[in-house]
PDB file of N, CA and C in Angstrom:
ATOM      1  N   MET A   1      -1.304 -12.682  -8.648  1.00  0.00           N
ATOM      2  CA  MET A   1      -1.365 -11.637  -9.705  1.00  0.00           C
ATOM      3  C   MET A   1       0.081 -11.179  -9.988  1.00  0.00           C
ATOM      4  N   GLN A   2       0.401 -11.317 -11.211  1.00  0.00           N
ATOM      5  CA  GLN A   2       1.840 -10.768 -11.856  1.00  0.00           C
ATOM      6  C   GLN A   2       2.020  -9.446 -11.745  1.00  0.00           C
ATOM      7  N   LEU A   3       2.896  -8.867 -11.202  1.00  0.00           N
ATOM      8  CA  LEU A   3       3.011  -7.483 -11.247  1.00  0.00           C
ATOM      9  C   LEU A   3       3.718  -7.009 -12.401  1.00  0.00           C
ATOM     10  N   THR A   4       3.245  -5.849 -13.090  1.00  0.00           N
ATOM     11  CA  THR A   4       3.907  -5.265 -14.262  1.00  0.00           C
ATOM     12  C   THR A   4       4.924  -4.427 -13.898  1.00  0.00           C
ATOM     13  N   GLU A   5       5.966  -3.838 -14.656  1.00  0.00           N
ATOM     14  CA  GLU A   5       6.724  -2.873 -14.484  1.00  0.00           C
ATOM     15  C   GLU A   5       6.086  -1.563 -13.877  1.00  0.00           C
ATOM     16  N   LYS A   6       4.971  -1.209 -14.618  1.00  0.00           N
ATOM     17  CA  LYS A   6       4.344  -0.104 -14.016  1.00  0.00           C
ATOM     18  C   LYS A   6       3.865  -0.176 -12.604  1.00  0.00           C
ATOM     19  N   ASP A   7       3.326  -1.297 -12.308  1.00  0.00           N
ATOM     20  CA  ASP A   7       2.750  -1.715 -11.018  1.00  0.00           C
ATOM     21  C   ASP A   7       4.045  -1.467  -9.809  1.00  0.00           C
ATOM     22  N   ILE A   8       5.082  -2.023 -10.204  1.00  0.00           N
ATOM     23  CA  ILE A   8       6.275  -1.851  -9.475  1.00  0.00           C
ATOM     24  C   ILE A   8       6.644  -0.338  -9.059  1.00  0.00           C
ATOM     25  N   TRP A   9       6.641   0.283 -10.233  1.00  0.00           N
ATOM     26  CA  TRP A   9       7.119   1.757 -10.137  1.00  0.00           C
ATOM     27  C   TRP A   9       6.017   2.654  -9.226  1.00  0.00           C
ATOM     28  N   GLU A  10       4.551   2.135  -9.443  1.00  0.00           N
ATOM     29  CA  GLU A  10       3.500   2.855  -8.784  1.00  0.00           C
ATOM     30  C   GLU A  10       3.815   2.483  -7.424  1.00  0.00           C
ATOM     31  N   GLU A  11       4.010   1.245  -6.769  1.00  0.00           N
ATOM     32  CA  GLU A  11       4.206   0.780  -5.398  1.00  0.00           C
ATOM     33  C   GLU A  11       5.579   1.508  -4.986  1.00  0.00           C
ATOM     34  N   ILE A  12       6.584   1.589  -5.484  1.00  0.00           N
ATOM     35  CA  ILE A  12       7.839   2.364  -5.159  1.00  0.00           C
ATOM     36  C   ILE A  12       7.392   3.586  -4.913  1.00  0.00           C
ATOM     37  N   GLU A  13       6.775   4.524  -5.872  1.00  0.00           N
ATOM     38  CA  GLU A  13       6.508   5.870  -5.539  1.00  0.00           C
ATOM     39  C   GLU A  13       5.489   5.898  -4.321  1.00  0.00           C
ATOM     40  N   ARG A  14       4.618   5.165  -4.188  1.00  0.00           N
ATOM     41  CA  ARG A  14       3.665   5.067  -3.088  1.00  0.00           C
ATOM     42  C   ARG A  14       4.262   4.990  -1.763  1.00  0.00           C
ATOM     43  N   LEU A  15       5.295   4.046  -1.816  1.00  0.00           N
ATOM     44  CA  LEU A  15       6.095   3.753  -0.317  1.00  0.00           C
ATOM     45  C   LEU A  15       6.871   5.035  -0.063  1.00  0.00           C
ATOM     46  N   LYS A  16       7.360   5.651  -1.036  1.00  0.00           N
ATOM     47  CA  LYS A  16       8.268   6.792  -0.899  1.00  0.00           C
ATOM     48  C   LYS A  16       7.482   7.872  -0.392  1.00  0.00           C
ATOM     49  N   ALA A  17       6.242   8.184  -0.910  1.00  0.00           N
ATOM     50  CA  ALA A  17       5.224   9.158  -0.551  1.00  0.00           C
ATOM     51  C   ALA A  17       4.769   9.050   0.883  1.00  0.00           C
ATOM     52  N   ILE A  18       4.512   7.746   1.306  1.00  0.00           N
ATOM     53  CA  ILE A  18       4.233   7.438   2.737  1.00  0.00           C
ATOM     54  C   ILE A  18       5.143   7.788   3.638  1.00  0.00           C
ATOM     55  N   ALA A  19       6.499   7.302   3.224  1.00  0.00           N
ATOM     56  CA  ALA A  19       7.560   7.631   4.024  1.00  0.00           C
ATOM     57  C   ALA A  19       7.892   9.154   4.350  1.00  0.00           C
ATOM     58  N   ILE A  20       7.645   9.828   3.276  1.00  0.00           N
ATOM     59  CA  ILE A  20       7.912  11.354   3.366  1.00  0.00           C
ATOM     60  C   ILE A  20       6.861  11.991   4.311  1.00  0.00           C
ATOM     61  N   GLN A  21       5.614  11.386   4.088  1.00  0.00           N
ATOM     62  CA  GLN A  21       4.393  11.813   5.072  1.00  0.00           C
ATOM     63  C   GLN A  21       4.818  11.650   6.490  1.00  0.00           C
ATOM     64  N   LYS A  22       5.290  10.450   6.824  1.00  0.00           N
ATOM     65  CA  LYS A  22       5.671  10.185   8.182  1.00  0.00           C
ATOM     66  C   LYS A  22       6.903  10.710   8.629  1.00  0.00           C
ATOM     67  N   ALA A  23       7.754  10.999   7.813  1.00  0.00           N
ATOM     68  CA  ALA A  23       9.112  11.855   8.149  1.00  0.00           C
ATOM     69  C   ALA A  23       8.729  13.238   8.646  1.00  0.00           C
ATOM     70  N   TYR A  24       7.818  13.787   7.798  1.00  0.00           N
ATOM     71  CA  TYR A  24       7.389  15.302   7.953  1.00  0.00           C
ATOM     72  C   TYR A  24       6.658  15.259   9.307  1.00  0.00           C
ATOM     73  N   ALA A  25       5.682  14.253   9.422  1.00  0.00           N
ATOM     74  CA  ALA A  25       4.838  14.261  10.679  1.00  0.00           C
ATOM     75  C   ALA A  25       5.675  14.189  11.939  1.00  0.00           C
ATOM     76  N   ALA A  26       6.827  13.409  11.859  1.00  0.00           N
ATOM     77  CA  ALA A  26       7.815  13.148  12.925  1.00  0.00           C
ATOM     78  C   ALA A  26       8.920  14.221  13.091  1.00  0.00           C
ATOM     79  N   HIS A  27       8.809  15.090  12.291  1.00  0.00           N
ATOM     80  CA  HIS A  27      10.002  16.229  12.139  1.00  0.00           C
ATOM     81  C   HIS A  27      11.246  15.557  11.880  1.00  0.00           C
ATOM     82  N   ASP A  28      11.316  14.414  10.983  1.00  0.00           N
ATOM     83  CA  ASP A  28      12.326  13.705  10.792  1.00  0.00           C
ATOM     84  C   ASP A  28      12.922  14.130   9.182  1.00  0.00           C
ATOM     85  N   ASP A  29      14.104  13.756   9.191  1.00  0.00           N
ATOM     86  CA  ASP A  29      14.561  14.191   7.703  1.00  0.00           C
ATOM     87  C   ASP A  29      14.839  13.163   6.807  1.00  0.00           C
ATOM     88  N   ILE A  30      13.631  13.224   5.843  1.00  0.00           N
ATOM     89  CA  ILE A  30      13.338  12.113   5.030  1.00  0.00           C
ATOM     90  C   ILE A  30      14.616  12.098   3.924  1.00  0.00           C
ATOM     91  N   LEU A  31      15.485  13.049   3.768  1.00  0.00           N
ATOM     92  CA  LEU A  31      16.603  12.807   2.898  1.00  0.00           C
ATOM     93  C   LEU A  31      17.831  12.363   3.463  1.00  0.00           C
ATOM     94  N   SER A  32      17.731  12.027   4.766  1.00  0.00           N
ATOM     95  CA  SER A  32      19.021  11.534   5.432  1.00  0.00           C
ATOM     96  C   SER A  32      19.231  10.142   4.956  1.00  0.00           C
ATOM     97  N   ASP A  33      20.156   9.482   5.380  1.00  0.00           N
ATOM     98  CA  ASP A  33      20.594   8.118   5.018  1.00  0.00           C
ATOM     99  C   ASP A  33      19.955   7.230   5.887  1.00  0.00           C
ATOM    100  N   LYS A  34      18.907   7.610   6.647  1.00  0.00           N
ATOM    101  CA  LYS A  34      18.224   6.586   7.419  1.00  0.00           C
ATOM    102  C   LYS A  34      17.316   5.531   6.859  1.00  0.00           C
ATOM    103  N   TYR A  35      17.228   5.882   5.453  1.00  0.00           N
ATOM    104  CA  TYR A  35      16.109   5.040   4.770  1.00  0.00           C
ATOM    105  C   TYR A  35      16.964   4.223   3.718  1.00  0.00           C
ATOM    106  N   GLU A  36      16.227   3.008   3.514  1.00  0.00           N
ATOM    107  CA  GLU A  36      17.007   2.180   2.534  1.00  0.00           C
ATOM    108  C   GLU A  36      15.845   1.127   1.879  1.00  0.00           C
ATOM    109  N   TRP A  37      16.025   0.885   0.790  1.00  0.00           N
ATOM    110  CA  TRP A  37      15.017  -0.022  -0.168  1.00  0.00           C
ATOM    111  C   TRP A  37      15.503  -1.299   0.051  1.00  0.00           C
ATOM    112  N   GLU A  38      14.660  -2.228   0.273  1.00  0.00           N
ATOM    113  CA  GLU A  38      14.740  -3.549   0.104  1.00  0.00           C
ATOM    114  C   GLU A  38      13.925  -4.309  -1.047  1.00  0.00           C
ATOM    115  N   LEU A  39      14.601  -4.636  -2.181  1.00  0.00           N
ATOM    116  CA  LEU A  39      13.852  -4.966  -3.342  1.00  0.00           C
ATOM    117  C   LEU A  39      14.341  -6.386  -3.597  1.00  0.00           C
ATOM    118  N   GLY A  40      13.383  -7.244  -3.856  1.00  0.00           N
ATOM    119  CA  GLY A  40      13.596  -8.744  -4.378  1.00  0.00           C
ATOM    120  C   GLY A  40      14.284  -8.822  -5.783  1.00  0.00           C
ATOM    121  N   VAL A  41      14.955  -9.685  -5.741  1.00  0.00           N
ATOM    122  CA  VAL A  41      15.956  -9.840  -7.053  1.00  0.00           C
ATOM    123  C   VAL A  41      14.988  -9.897  -8.259  1.00  0.00           C
ATOM    124  N   ASP A  42      13.817 -10.578  -8.221  1.00  0.00           N
ATOM    125  CA  ASP A  42      12.858 -10.438  -9.443  1.00  0.00           C
ATOM    126  C   ASP A  42      12.408  -9.012  -9.746  1.00  0.00           C
ATOM    127  N   ILE A  43      12.198  -8.298  -8.551  1.00  0.00           N
ATOM    128  CA  ILE A  43      11.737  -6.962  -8.907  1.00  0.00           C
ATOM    129  C   ILE A  43      12.899  -6.093  -9.592  1.00  0.00           C
ATOM    130  N   CYS A  44      14.065  -6.391  -9.148  1.00  0.00           N
ATOM    131  CA  CYS A  44      15.043  -5.644  -9.621  1.00  0.00           C
ATOM    132  C   CYS A  44      15.402  -5.896 -11.270  1.00  0.00           C
ATOM    133  N   GLU A  45      14.961  -7.186 -11.463  1.00  0.00           N
ATOM    134  CA  GLU A  45      15.091  -7.650 -12.852  1.00  0.00           C
ATOM    135  C   GLU A  45      14.054  -7.023 -13.652  1.00  0.00           C
ATOM    136  N   MET A  46      12.715  -6.879 -13.115  1.00  0.00           N
ATOM    137  CA  MET A  46      11.747  -6.260 -13.979  1.00  0.00           C
ATOM    138  C   MET A  46      11.779  -4.709 -14.149  1.00  0.00           C
ATOM    139  N   ILE A  47      12.381  -3.967 -13.233  1.00  0.00           N
ATOM    140  CA  ILE A  47      12.421  -2.535 -13.294  1.00  0.00           C
ATOM    141  C   ILE A  47      13.647  -2.155 -14.104  1.00  0.00           C
ATOM    142  N   GLY A  48      14.717  -3.163 -14.441  1.00  0.00           N
ATOM    143  CA  GLY A  48      15.615  -2.929 -15.443  1.00  0.00           C
ATOM    144  C   GLY A  48      16.462  -1.865 -14.927  1.00  0.00           C
ATOM    145  N   GLY A  49      16.937  -0.896 -15.842  1.00  0.00           N
ATOM    146  CA  GLY A  49      17.804   0.048 -15.614  1.00  0.00           C
ATOM    147  C   GLY A  49      19.325  -0.372 -15.291  1.00  0.00           C
ATOM    148  N   ASN A  50      19.840   0.167 -14.195  1.00  0.00           N
ATOM    149  CA  ASN A  50      21.154  -0.223 -13.782  1.00  0.00           C
ATOM    150  C   ASN A  50      21.231  -1.612 -12.868  1.00  0.00           C
ATOM    151  N   PHE A  51      19.918  -2.185 -12.644  1.00  0.00           N
ATOM    152  CA  PHE A  51      19.961  -3.373 -11.916  1.00  0.00           C
ATOM    153  C   PHE A  51      20.289  -4.640 -12.625  1.00  0.00           C
ATOM    154  N   ARG A  52      20.939  -5.503 -12.106  1.00  0.00           N
ATOM    155  CA  ARG A  52      21.226  -6.768 -12.485  1.00  0.00           C
ATOM    156  C   ARG A  52      20.617  -7.771 -11.446  1.00  0.00           C
ATOM    157  N   ALA A  53      20.583  -8.984 -12.070  1.00  0.00           N
ATOM    158  CA  ALA A  53      19.875  -9.874 -11.166  1.00  0.00           C
ATOM    159  C   ALA A  53      20.904 -10.530 -10.166  1.00  0.00           C
ATOM    160  N   TYR A  54      22.258 -10.641 -10.557  1.00  0.00           N
ATOM    161  CA  TYR A  54      23.143 -11.201  -9.623  1.00  0.00           C
ATOM    162  C   TYR A  54      24.453 -10.362  -9.711  1.00  0.00           C
ATOM    163  N   ILE A  55      24.489  -9.367  -8.776  1.00  0.00           N
ATOM    164  CA  ILE A  55      25.601  -8.512  -8.727  1.00  0.00           C
ATOM    165  C   ILE A  55      26.548  -8.835  -7.643  1.00  0.00           C
ATOM    166  N   LYS A  56      27.722  -8.761  -7.715  1.00  0.00           N
ATOM    167  CA  LYS A  56      28.747  -9.030  -6.591  1.00  0.00           C
ATOM    168  C   LYS A  56      28.322  -8.341  -5.395  1.00  0.00           C
ATOM    169  N   GLU A  57      28.542  -8.937  -4.255  1.00  0.00           N
ATOM    170  CA  GLU A  57      28.112  -8.209  -3.078  1.00  0.00           C
ATOM    171  C   GLU A  57      28.759  -6.962  -2.881  1.00  0.00           C
ATOM    172  N   SER A  58      30.212  -6.810  -3.340  1.00  0.00           N
ATOM    173  CA  SER A  58      30.800  -5.406  -3.198  1.00  0.00           C
ATOM    174  C   SER A  58      30.146  -4.350  -3.880  1.00  0.00           C
ATOM    175  N   ASP A  59      29.448  -4.589  -4.929  1.00  0.00           N
ATOM    176  CA  ASP A  59      28.768  -3.630  -5.965  1.00  0.00           C
ATOM    177  C   ASP A  59      27.487  -3.131  -5.367  1.00  0.00           C
ATOM    178  N   LEU A  60      26.851  -3.923  -4.477  1.00  0.00           N
ATOM    179  CA  LEU A  60      25.489  -3.566  -4.087  1.00  0.00           C
ATOM    180  C   LEU A  60      25.452  -2.340  -3.148  1.00  0.00           C
ATOM    181  N   LYS A  61      26.730  -1.926  -2.541  1.00  0.00           N
ATOM    182  CA  LYS A  61      26.908  -0.785  -1.756  1.00  0.00           C
ATOM    183  C   LYS A  61      26.491   0.415  -2.523  1.00  0.00           C
ATOM    184  N   ASN A  62      26.612   0.509  -3.815  1.00  0.00           N
ATOM    185  CA  ASN A  62      26.531   1.705  -4.652  1.00  0.00           C
ATOM    186  C   ASN A  62      25.227   1.819  -5.297  1.00  0.00           C
ATOM    187  N   LEU A  63      24.321   0.903  -5.201  1.00  0.00           N
ATOM    188  CA  LEU A  63      23.025   0.967  -5.920  1.00  0.00           C
ATOM    189  C   LEU A  63      22.148   1.904  -5.154  1.00  0.00           C
ATOM    190  N   THR A  64      21.479   2.805  -5.879  1.00  0.00           N
ATOM    191  CA  THR A  64      20.315   3.672  -5.218  1.00  0.00           C
ATOM    192  C   THR A  64      19.370   3.605  -6.027  1.00  0.00           C
ATOM    193  N   LEU A  65      18.036   3.902  -5.495  1.00  0.00           N
ATOM    194  CA  LEU A  65      16.812   3.968  -6.166  1.00  0.00           C
ATOM    195  C   LEU A  65      16.186   5.106  -5.531  1.00  0.00           C
ATOM    196  N   MET A  66      15.800   6.414  -6.216  1.00  0.00           N
ATOM    197  CA  MET A  66      15.099   7.517  -5.690  1.00  0.00           C
ATOM    198  C   MET A  66      15.903   8.134  -4.526  1.00  0.00           C
ATOM    199  N   ASP A  67      17.135   8.168  -4.754  1.00  0.00           N
ATOM    200  CA  ASP A  67      18.109   8.588  -3.774  1.00  0.00           C
ATOM    201  C   ASP A  67      18.408   7.723  -2.447  1.00  0.00           C
ATOM    202  N   TYR A  68      17.792   6.504  -2.361  1.00  0.00           N
ATOM    203  CA  TYR A  68      18.138   5.915  -1.114  1.00  0.00           C
ATOM    204  C   TYR A  68      18.869   4.399  -1.748  1.00  0.00           C
ATOM    205  N   PRO A  69      19.805   4.018  -0.663  1.00  0.00           N
ATOM    206  CA  PRO A  69      20.636   2.724  -1.010  1.00  0.00           C
ATOM    207  C   PRO A  69      19.471   1.637  -1.049  1.00  0.00           C
ATOM    208  N   VAL A  70      19.904   0.622  -1.977  1.00  0.00           N
ATOM    209  CA  VAL A  70      19.083  -0.557  -2.311  1.00  0.00           C
ATOM    210  C   VAL A  70      19.873  -1.766  -1.732  1.00  0.00           C
ATOM    211  N   ARG A  71      19.082  -2.723  -1.008  1.00  0.00           N
ATOM    212  CA  ARG A  71      19.468  -3.925  -0.447  1.00  0.00           C
ATOM    213  C   ARG A  71      18.834  -4.949  -1.500  1.00  0.00           C
ATOM    214  N   ILE A  72      19.326  -5.904  -1.986  1.00  0.00           N
ATOM    215  CA  ILE A  72      18.604  -6.821  -2.878  1.00  0.00           C
ATOM    216  C   ILE A  72      18.459  -8.187  -1.945  1.00  0.00           C
ATOM    217  N   ASN A  73      17.193  -8.585  -2.043  1.00  0.00           N
ATOM    218  CA  ASN A  73      16.690  -9.672  -1.133  1.00  0.00           C
ATOM    219  C   ASN A  73      16.663 -10.956  -2.237  1.00  0.00           C
ATOM    220  N   TYR A  74      17.461 -11.888  -2.015  1.00  0.00           N
ATOM    221  CA  TYR A  74      17.527 -13.091  -2.913  1.00  0.00           C
ATOM    222  C   TYR A  74      16.534 -14.127  -2.403  1.00  0.00           C
ATOM    223  N   ASP A  75      16.174 -14.038  -1.225  1.00  0.00           N
ATOM    224  CA  ASP A  75      15.136 -15.023  -0.603  1.00  0.00           C
ATOM    225  C   ASP A  75      13.741 -14.660  -0.997  1.00  0.00           C
ATOM    226  N   ASN A  76      13.489 -13.469  -0.624  1.00  0.00           N
ATOM    227  CA  ASN A  76      11.967 -13.027  -0.925  1.00  0.00           C
ATOM    228  C   ASN A  76      12.114 -12.131  -2.250  1.00  0.00           C
ATOM    229  N   LYS A  77      11.983 -12.911  -3.222  1.00  0.00           N
ATOM    230  CA  LYS A  77      12.136 -12.260  -4.660  1.00  0.00           C
ATOM    231  C   LYS A  77      11.334 -11.287  -5.129  1.00  0.00           C
ATOM    232  N   THR A  78      10.216 -11.070  -4.431  1.00  0.00           N
ATOM    233  CA  THR A  78       9.081 -10.084  -4.890  1.00  0.00           C
ATOM    234  C   THR A  78       8.982  -8.902  -3.950  1.00  0.00           C
ATOM    235  N   ILE A  79       9.687  -8.914  -2.932  1.00  0.00           N
ATOM    236  CA  ILE A  79       9.594  -8.000  -1.782  1.00  0.00           C
ATOM    237  C   ILE A  79      10.032  -6.412  -2.440  1.00  0.00           C
ATOM    238  N   ILE A  80       9.022  -5.450  -2.008  1.00  0.00           N
ATOM    239  CA  ILE A  80       9.241  -4.021  -2.201  1.00  0.00           C
ATOM    240  C   ILE A  80       9.078  -3.408  -0.838  1.00  0.00           C
ATOM    241  N   LYS A  81      10.105  -2.798  -0.217  1.00  0.00           N
ATOM    242  CA  LYS A  81       9.962  -2.187   1.017  1.00  0.00           C
ATOM    243  C   LYS A  81      10.833  -1.070   1.164  1.00  0.00           C
ATOM    244  N   LEU A  82      10.481   0.193   1.980  1.00  0.00           N
ATOM    245  CA  LEU A  82      11.409   1.320   2.097  1.00  0.00           C
ATOM    246  C   LEU A  82      11.526   1.221   3.632  1.00  0.00           C
ATOM    247  N   TRP A  83      12.651   0.868   4.124  1.00  0.00           N
ATOM    248  CA  TRP A  83      12.904   0.733   5.541  1.00  0.00           C
ATOM    249  C   TRP A  83      13.506   1.911   6.256  1.00  0.00           C
ATOM    250  N   LYS A  84      13.233   2.331   7.476  1.00  0.00           N
ATOM    251  CA  LYS A  84      13.861   3.258   8.200  1.00  0.00           C
ATOM    252  C   LYS A  84      14.766   2.617   9.171  1.00  0.00           C
ATOM    253  N   GLU A  85      15.988   2.833   9.019  1.00  0.00           N
ATOM    254  CA  GLU A  85      17.103   2.279   9.846  1.00  0.00           C
ATOM    255  C   GLU A  85      16.751   2.706  11.183  1.00  0.00           C
ATOM    256  N   VAL A  86      16.744   1.867  12.342  1.00  0.00           N
ATOM    257  CA  VAL A  86      16.595   2.275  13.857  1.00  0.00           C
ATOM    258  C   VAL A  86      18.038   2.459  14.471  1.00  0.00           C
ATOM    259  N   ALA A  87      18.846   1.599  13.948  1.00  0.00           N
ATOM    260  CA  ALA A  87      20.325   1.724  14.664  1.00  0.00           C
ATOM    261  C   ALA A  87      20.937   2.833  13.981  1.00  0.00           C
ATOM    262  N   SER A  88      21.758   3.491  14.886  1.00  0.00           N
ATOM    263  CA  SER A  88      22.648   4.608  14.288  1.00  0.00           C
ATOM    264  C   SER A  88      24.144   4.251  14.825  1.00  0.00           C
TER     265      SER A  88
END
């Protein structure tokens, strides 16, 4: 099944809502820098905006989506994940 831009945004919003619920239940700060998006390069192309398919590595540090940093995955081109960092 081919994802549409609407499907992608709905999945992004769903994942963020789940993260907020889990953080709230764990008395964690969802707005902290502990969270990071991982998006496949094809997903970035589809949602448009400030994303480019091939950005210099140094520029990736400044990408954000819904207040969280974005890591672009060039291997798994269709991944959409919101990660909580475990290392501090």
